[in-house]
Protein backbone atom coordinates (compact mmCIF):
# COMPACT_ATOMS: atom_id res chain seq x y z
CA UNK A 1 10.87 13.89 47.14
CA UNK A 2 12.84 15.83 49.70
CA UNK A 3 16.37 15.42 50.97
CA UNK A 4 15.23 13.63 54.12
CA UNK A 5 13.26 11.07 52.12
CA UNK A 6 16.25 10.47 49.86
CA UNK A 7 18.51 10.03 52.88
CA UNK A 8 16.11 7.48 54.37
CA UNK A 9 15.93 5.57 51.10
CA UNK A 10 19.73 5.57 50.85
CA UNK A 11 19.96 4.21 54.40
CA UNK A 12 17.55 1.41 53.48
CA UNK A 13 19.51 0.61 50.32
CA UNK A 14 22.77 0.65 52.27
CA UNK A 15 21.30 -1.73 54.88
CA UNK A 16 20.05 -4.14 52.19
CA UNK A 17 23.42 -4.10 50.42
CA UNK A 18 25.30 -4.63 53.67
CA UNK A 19 23.10 -7.59 54.60
CA UNK A 20 23.48 -9.00 51.09
CA UNK A 21 27.28 -8.80 51.26
CA UNK A 22 27.32 -10.35 54.73
CA UNK A 23 25.21 -13.23 53.44
CA UNK A 24 27.49 -13.60 50.42
CA UNK A 25 30.57 -13.64 52.64
CA UNK A 26 29.00 -16.36 54.81
CA UNK A 27 28.30 -18.44 51.73
CA UNK A 28 31.84 -17.97 50.46
CA UNK A 29 33.21 -19.07 53.83
CA UNK A 30 31.01 -22.16 53.75
CA UNK A 31 32.17 -22.97 50.22
CA UNK A 32 35.82 -22.52 51.20
CA UNK A 33 35.38 -24.82 54.20
CA UNK A 34 33.72 -27.40 51.95
CA UNK A 35 36.55 -27.13 49.45
CA UNK A 36 39.14 -27.65 52.19
CA UNK A 37 37.24 -30.69 53.44
CA UNK A 38 37.02 -32.12 49.91
CA UNK A 39 40.73 -31.45 49.38
CA UNK A 40 41.55 -33.39 52.55
CA UNK A 41 39.40 -36.29 51.36
CA UNK A 42 41.09 -36.22 47.96
CA UNK A 43 44.52 -36.26 49.61
CA UNK A 44 43.58 -39.34 51.65
CA UNK A 45 42.14 -41.04 48.58
CA UNK A 46 45.30 -40.26 46.64
CA UNK A 47 47.42 -41.83 49.38
CA UNK A 48 45.33 -44.99 49.26
CA UNK A 49 45.62 -45.21 45.50
CA UNK A 50 49.42 -44.88 45.71
CA UNK A 51 49.54 -47.61 48.37
CA UNK A 52 47.31 -49.85 46.22
CA UNK A 53 49.55 -49.37 43.19
CA UNK A 54 52.61 -50.17 45.31
CA UNK A 55 50.93 -53.31 46.65
CA UNK A 56 50.02 -54.39 43.13
CA UNK A 57 53.61 -53.90 41.98
CA UNK A 58 54.86 -55.95 44.91
CA UNK A 59 52.43 -58.75 44.09
CA UNK A 60 53.49 -58.69 40.47
CA UNK A 61 57.17 -58.98 41.48
CA UNK A 62 56.38 -62.00 43.66
CA UNK A 63 54.95 -63.91 40.71
């Protein structure tokens, strides 16, 4: 195998690796966006739970 063939193979390997890392980065971005969305949902849920607990305490005081 000559130098030119090795250079061509290295270019192919480099292209495959670059595409693989780009795909991985896209997946990581998607996961991060999903995590942020889930965190927002959790925050809203937490607020509702706190309000529910407060309402229950108020009802208990009224009795």
